[in-house]
Amino acid sequence: RLVQDKKILFLVKAFHEKLHKLPSNAKLIIVGDGDQAEEIKNYVVANNLSNKIILKGAISDYKTLQELYATSLVSVSPGYVGLSITQSLGFGVPMLISKDEIHSPEIEAANIGFNSIYFETDNVTDLINSFLQLFEEKESWIAKRDEISKNCRNNYSIEIMAKPFLKIFTENG
């Protein structure tokens, strides 16, 4: 969702500010919709960033999301983490996470160093340095995709998440 608490505009501005430090092929792909969508779009257009920051809008089609994640090195949560972490990890893509947010319970899926990396909250330099670290370690992160995805499926699939509720239901008839 492109809402203030998710801090997507912060991510866009940080990416723009430090674009010169990132690899020339780096792109920021934003998927989602919300009350900040127009402001983000206006910023991208006003700063001539349409070739570097791609706004996709809301996407719920599995195949389309799969294709986007397949071409992504990392997903980013510049604000609080929500369900997007399990989606990203399910596709085997690690997440770059703002450290000191009040995250949703899904943050428990984050295993720093295995499937995610923290950056200092609201710190543009640390966010970009974390991006650079990920780019430097690109091959090792890509090599872990199957393991990241499998770990997510084994711990956060709908079947696994439903087990405690089914157990309560069956025991209490």
C-alpha atoms as a PDB file:
ATOM      1  CA  ARG A   1       0.000   0.000   0.000  1.00  0.00           C
ATOM      2  CA  LEU A   2       1.243   3.439  -0.880  1.00  0.00           C
ATOM      3  CA  VAL A   3       0.379   5.104   2.421  1.00  0.00           C
ATOM      4  CA  GLN A   4       2.356   7.339   4.754  1.00  0.00           C
ATOM      5  CA  ASP A   5       3.098   4.585   7.336  1.00  0.00           C
ATOM      6  CA  LYS A   6       4.770   2.473   4.640  1.00  0.00           C
ATOM      7  CA  LYS A   7       7.164   5.390   3.832  1.00  0.00           C
ATOM      8  CA  ILE A   8       7.316   4.718   0.092  1.00  0.00           C
ATOM      9  CA  LEU A   9       7.900   8.416  -0.667  1.00  0.00           C
ATOM     10  CA  PHE A  10      10.940   8.285   1.648  1.00  0.00           C
ATOM     11  CA  LEU A  11      12.229   5.308  -0.360  1.00  0.00           C
ATOM     12  CA  VAL A  12      11.685   7.116  -3.670  1.00  0.00           C
ATOM     13  CA  LYS A  13      13.468  10.266  -2.455  1.00  0.00           C
ATOM     14  CA  ALA A  14      16.355   8.266  -0.954  1.00  0.00           C
ATOM     15  CA  PHE A  15      16.763   6.283  -4.170  1.00  0.00           C
ATOM     16  CA  HIS A  16      16.780   9.534  -6.154  1.00  0.00           C
ATOM     17  CA  GLU A  17      19.212  11.289  -3.810  1.00  0.00           C
ATOM     18  CA  LYS A  18      21.746   8.457  -3.882  1.00  0.00           C
ATOM     19  CA  LEU A  19      21.127   7.162  -7.410  1.00  0.00           C
ATOM     20  CA  HIS A  20      24.658   8.169  -8.406  1.00  0.00           C
ATOM     21  CA  LYS A  21      26.052   5.651  -5.889  1.00  0.00           C
ATOM     22  CA  LEU A  22      23.995   2.714  -7.154  1.00  0.00           C
ATOM     23  CA  PRO A  23      24.858   0.447 -10.098  1.00  0.00           C
ATOM     24  CA  SER A  24      23.755   1.957 -13.410  1.00  0.00           C
ATOM     25  CA  ASN A  25      21.232  -0.848 -13.972  1.00  0.00           C
ATOM     26  CA  ALA A  26      19.510  -0.322 -10.587  1.00  0.00           C
ATOM     27  CA  LYS A  27      15.776   0.330 -10.820  1.00  0.00           C
ATOM     28  CA  LEU A  28      13.129   0.807  -8.193  1.00  0.00           C
ATOM     29  CA  ILE A  29       9.853  -0.942  -9.028  1.00  0.00           C
ATOM     30  CA  ILE A  30       6.900   0.110  -6.923  1.00  0.00           C
ATOM     31  CA  VAL A  31       3.829  -2.110  -6.764  1.00  0.00           C
ATOM     32  CA  GLY A  32       0.748  -0.906  -4.958  1.00  0.00           C
ATOM     33  CA  ASP A  33      -1.837   1.801  -4.672  1.00  0.00           C
ATOM     34  CA  GLY A  34      -2.940   4.176  -1.968  1.00  0.00           C
ATOM     35  CA  ASP A  35      -3.431   7.789  -1.015  1.00  0.00           C
ATOM     36  CA  GLN A  36       0.222   8.676  -1.745  1.00  0.00           C
ATOM     37  CA  ALA A  37       0.238   7.187  -5.261  1.00  0.00           C
ATOM     38  CA  GLU A  38      -0.343  10.531  -6.980  1.00  0.00           C
ATOM     39  CA  GLU A  39       2.298  12.331  -4.893  1.00  0.00           C
ATOM     40  CA  ILE A  40       4.838   9.611  -5.671  1.00  0.00           C
ATOM     41  CA  LYS A  41       3.976   9.719  -9.370  1.00  0.00           C
ATOM     42  CA  ASN A  42       4.307  13.506  -9.427  1.00  0.00           C
ATOM     43  CA  TYR A  43       7.731  13.295  -7.746  1.00  0.00           C
ATOM     44  CA  VAL A  44       8.949  10.703 -10.273  1.00  0.00           C
ATOM     45  CA  VAL A  45       7.723  12.747 -13.239  1.00  0.00           C
ATOM     46  CA  ALA A  46       8.966  16.105 -11.880  1.00  0.00           C
ATOM     47  CA  ASN A  47      12.443  14.655 -11.365  1.00  0.00           C
ATOM     48  CA  ASN A  48      12.566  12.827 -14.705  1.00  0.00           C
ATOM     49  CA  LEU A  49      12.971   9.444 -12.994  1.00  0.00           C
ATOM     50  CA  SER A  50      10.517   7.372 -15.050  1.00  0.00           C
ATOM     51  CA  ASN A  51      13.372   5.294 -16.489  1.00  0.00           C
ATOM     52  CA  LYS A  52      14.681   4.454 -12.983  1.00  0.00           C
ATOM     53  CA  ILE A  53      11.540   4.333 -10.837  1.00  0.00           C
ATOM     54  CA  ILE A  54       8.747   2.260 -12.351  1.00  0.00           C
ATOM     55  CA  LEU A  55       5.271   2.608 -10.877  1.00  0.00           C
ATOM     56  CA  LYS A  56       3.205  -0.515 -11.524  1.00  0.00           C
ATOM     57  CA  GLY A  57       0.068   0.205  -9.517  1.00  0.00           C
ATOM     58  CA  ALA A  58      -1.784  -2.530  -7.647  1.00  0.00           C
ATOM     59  CA  ILE A  59      -1.075  -6.060  -8.877  1.00  0.00           C
ATOM     60  CA  SER A  60      -2.785  -9.164  -7.518  1.00  0.00           C
ATOM     61  CA  ASP A  61      -2.106 -11.561 -10.400  1.00  0.00           C
ATOM     62  CA  TYR A  62       0.239 -14.309  -9.164  1.00  0.00           C
ATOM     63  CA  LYS A  63       2.079 -14.784 -12.487  1.00  0.00           C
ATOM     64  CA  THR A  64       2.723 -11.057 -12.868  1.00  0.00           C
ATOM     65  CA  LEU A  65       4.048 -10.838  -9.308  1.00  0.00           C
ATOM     66  CA  GLN A  66       6.175 -13.937  -9.881  1.00  0.00           C
ATOM     67  CA  GLU A  67       7.742 -12.308 -12.951  1.00  0.00           C
ATOM     68  CA  LEU A  68       8.488  -9.092 -11.048  1.00  0.00           C
ATOM     69  CA  TYR A  69      10.032 -10.903  -8.105  1.00  0.00           C
ATOM     70  CA  ALA A  70      12.088 -13.087 -10.478  1.00  0.00           C
ATOM     71  CA  THR A  71      13.822  -9.957 -11.766  1.00  0.00           C
ATOM     72  CA  SER A  72      14.247  -8.340  -8.338  1.00  0.00           C
ATOM     73  CA  LEU A  73      17.280  -8.613  -6.114  1.00  0.00           C
ATOM     74  CA  VAL A  74      15.491  -7.389  -2.994  1.00  0.00           C
ATOM     75  CA  SER A  75      12.198  -6.003  -1.771  1.00  0.00           C
ATOM     76  CA  VAL A  76      12.157  -3.042   0.599  1.00  0.00           C
ATOM     77  CA  SER A  77      10.029  -2.120   3.565  1.00  0.00           C
ATOM     78  CA  PRO A  78      10.978   1.495   4.383  1.00  0.00           C
ATOM     79  CA  GLY A  79       8.115   1.693   6.894  1.00  0.00           C
ATOM     80  CA  TYR A  80       6.489  -1.001   8.970  1.00  0.00           C
ATOM     81  CA  VAL A  81       6.590  -4.594   7.721  1.00  0.00           C
ATOM     82  CA  GLY A  82       3.301  -6.293   6.997  1.00  0.00           C
ATOM     83  CA  LEU A  83       2.223  -9.239   4.886  1.00  0.00           C
ATOM     84  CA  SER A  84       4.534  -8.153   2.069  1.00  0.00           C
ATOM     85  CA  ILE A  85       7.406  -9.914   3.825  1.00  0.00           C
ATOM     86  CA  THR A  86       5.838 -13.346   3.455  1.00  0.00           C
ATOM     87  CA  GLN A  87       5.040 -12.606  -0.179  1.00  0.00           C
ATOM     88  CA  SER A  88       8.623 -11.550  -0.888  1.00  0.00           C
ATOM     89  CA  LEU A  89      10.163 -14.459   0.998  1.00  0.00           C
ATOM     90  CA  GLY A  90       7.710 -16.860  -0.607  1.00  0.00           C
ATOM     91  CA  PHE A  91       9.184 -15.857  -3.965  1.00  0.00           C
ATOM     92  CA  GLY A  92      12.688 -16.275  -2.507  1.00  0.00           C
ATOM     93  CA  VAL A  93      13.478 -12.559  -2.503  1.00  0.00           C
ATOM     94  CA  PRO A  94      15.105 -11.133   0.630  1.00  0.00           C
ATOM     95  CA  MET A  95      13.749  -7.985   2.244  1.00  0.00           C
ATOM     96  CA  LEU A  96      15.524  -4.804   3.328  1.00  0.00           C
ATOM     97  CA  ILE A  97      13.699  -3.669   6.489  1.00  0.00           C
ATOM     98  CA  SER A  98      13.538  -0.435   8.454  1.00  0.00           C
ATOM     99  CA  LYS A  99      14.852  -1.443  11.876  1.00  0.00           C
ATOM    100  CA  ASP A 100      12.951   0.630  14.415  1.00  0.00           C
ATOM    101  CA  GLU A 101       9.385   0.650  13.140  1.00  0.00           C
ATOM    102  CA  ILE A 102       6.419  -0.770  14.985  1.00  0.00           C
ATOM    103  CA  HIS A 103       6.089  -3.759  12.678  1.00  0.00           C
ATOM    104  CA  SER A 104       3.129  -6.076  12.210  1.00  0.00           C
ATOM    105  CA  PRO A 105       3.438  -9.625  13.621  1.00  0.00           C
ATOM    106  CA  GLU A 106       4.728 -10.861  10.245  1.00  0.00           C
ATOM    107  CA  ILE A 107       8.132  -9.422  11.190  1.00  0.00           C
ATOM    108  CA  GLU A 108       8.786 -12.772  12.876  1.00  0.00           C
ATOM    109  CA  ALA A 109       9.501 -14.149   9.376  1.00  0.00           C
ATOM    110  CA  ALA A 110      12.594 -11.936   9.164  1.00  0.00           C
ATOM    111  CA  ASN A 111      15.824 -13.807   9.803  1.00  0.00           C
ATOM    112  CA  ILE A 112      18.530 -11.173   9.533  1.00  0.00           C
ATOM    113  CA  GLY A 113      21.379 -12.333   7.340  1.00  0.00           C
ATOM    114  CA  PHE A 114      19.393 -15.279   5.982  1.00  0.00           C
ATOM    115  CA  ASN A 115      16.360 -13.682   4.345  1.00  0.00           C
ATOM    116  CA  SER A 116      16.563 -10.033   5.320  1.00  0.00           C
ATOM    117  CA  ILE A 117      18.746  -7.095   6.284  1.00  0.00           C
ATOM    118  CA  TYR A 118      17.918  -4.176   8.580  1.00  0.00           C
ATOM    119  CA  PHE A 119      18.745  -0.557   7.863  1.00  0.00           C
ATOM    120  CA  GLU A 120      18.569   2.308  10.356  1.00  0.00           C
ATOM    121  CA  THR A 121      15.085   3.803  10.263  1.00  0.00           C
ATOM    122  CA  ASP A 122      14.736   7.019   8.228  1.00  0.00           C
ATOM    123  CA  ASN A 123      18.482   7.011   7.475  1.00  0.00           C
ATOM    124  CA  VAL A 124      19.019   7.572   3.741  1.00  0.00           C
ATOM    125  CA  THR A 125      22.736   6.799   3.890  1.00  0.00           C
ATOM    126  CA  ASP A 126      22.248   3.516   5.741  1.00  0.00           C
ATOM    127  CA  LEU A 127      19.438   2.511   3.372  1.00  0.00           C
ATOM    128  CA  ILE A 128      21.670   3.093   0.333  1.00  0.00           C
ATOM    129  CA  ASN A 129      24.662   1.412   1.987  1.00  0.00           C
ATOM    130  CA  SER A 130      22.422  -1.612   2.598  1.00  0.00           C
ATOM    131  CA  PHE A 131      21.425  -1.582  -1.077  1.00  0.00           C
ATOM    132  CA  LEU A 132      25.086  -1.465  -2.034  1.00  0.00           C
ATOM    133  CA  GLN A 133      25.864  -4.355   0.323  1.00  0.00           C
ATOM    134  CA  LEU A 134      23.117  -6.395  -1.322  1.00  0.00           C
ATOM    135  CA  PHE A 135      24.469  -5.590  -4.782  1.00  0.00           C
ATOM    136  CA  GLU A 136      27.973  -6.606  -3.680  1.00  0.00           C
ATOM    137  CA  GLU A 137      26.611  -9.895  -2.297  1.00  0.00           C
ATOM    138  CA  LYS A 138      24.200 -10.377  -5.216  1.00  0.00           C
ATOM    139  CA  GLU A 139      25.364 -13.872  -6.171  1.00  0.00           C
ATOM    140  CA  SER A 140      25.071 -15.262  -2.652  1.00  0.00           C
ATOM    141  CA  TRP A 141      21.583 -13.794  -2.183  1.00  0.00           C
ATOM    142  CA  ILE A 142      20.421 -15.205  -5.517  1.00  0.00           C
ATOM    143  CA  ALA A 143      21.911 -18.596  -4.608  1.00  0.00           C
ATOM    144  CA  LYS A 144      19.752 -18.612  -1.426  1.00  0.00           C
ATOM    145  CA  ARG A 145      16.442 -17.969  -3.199  1.00  0.00           C
ATOM    146  CA  ASP A 146      15.234 -21.569  -3.164  1.00  0.00           C
ATOM    147  CA  GLU A 147      16.181 -21.942   0.486  1.00  0.00           C
ATOM    148  CA  ILE A 148      14.456 -18.653   1.418  1.00  0.00           C
ATOM    149  CA  SER A 149      11.309 -19.682  -0.447  1.00  0.00           C
ATOM    150  CA  LYS A 150      11.279 -23.182   1.062  1.00  0.00           C
ATOM    151  CA  ASN A 151      11.754 -21.796   4.572  1.00  0.00           C
ATOM    152  CA  CYS A 152       8.819 -19.448   4.048  1.00  0.00           C
ATOM    153  CA  ARG A 153       6.580 -22.228   2.684  1.00  0.00           C
ATOM    154  CA  ASN A 154       7.508 -24.500   5.594  1.00  0.00           C
ATOM    155  CA  ASN A 155       6.699 -21.861   8.202  1.00  0.00           C
ATOM    156  CA  TYR A 156       4.157 -19.437   6.731  1.00  0.00           C
ATOM    157  CA  SER A 157       1.990 -21.267   4.191  1.00  0.00           C
ATOM    158  CA  ILE A 158      -1.759 -21.092   4.715  1.00  0.00           C
ATOM    159  CA  GLU A 159      -1.745 -24.787   5.677  1.00  0.00           C
ATOM    160  CA  ILE A 160       0.946 -24.285   8.329  1.00  0.00           C
ATOM    161  CA  MET A 161      -0.681 -21.131   9.673  1.00  0.00           C
ATOM    162  CA  ALA A 162      -4.103 -22.846   9.877  1.00  0.00           C
ATOM    163  CA  LYS A 163      -2.855 -25.906  11.838  1.00  0.00           C
ATOM    164  CA  PRO A 164      -3.226 -24.404  15.341  1.00  0.00           C
ATOM    165  CA  PHE A 165      -6.773 -23.277  14.553  1.00  0.00           C
ATOM    166  CA  LEU A 166      -7.716 -26.643  13.093  1.00  0.00           C
ATOM    167  CA  LYS A 167      -6.268 -28.339  16.154  1.00  0.00           C
ATOM    168  CA  ILE A 168      -8.353 -26.177  18.492  1.00  0.00           C
ATOM    169  CA  PHE A 169     -11.450 -26.781  16.394  1.00  0.00           C
ATOM    170  CA  THR A 170     -11.015 -30.566  16.272  1.00  0.00           C
ATOM    171  CA  GLU A 171     -10.148 -30.865  19.982  1.00  0.00           C
ATOM    172  CA  ASN A 172     -13.140 -28.785  21.053  1.00  0.00           C
ATOM    173  CA  GLY A 173     -15.527 -30.290  18.477  1.00  0.00           C
END
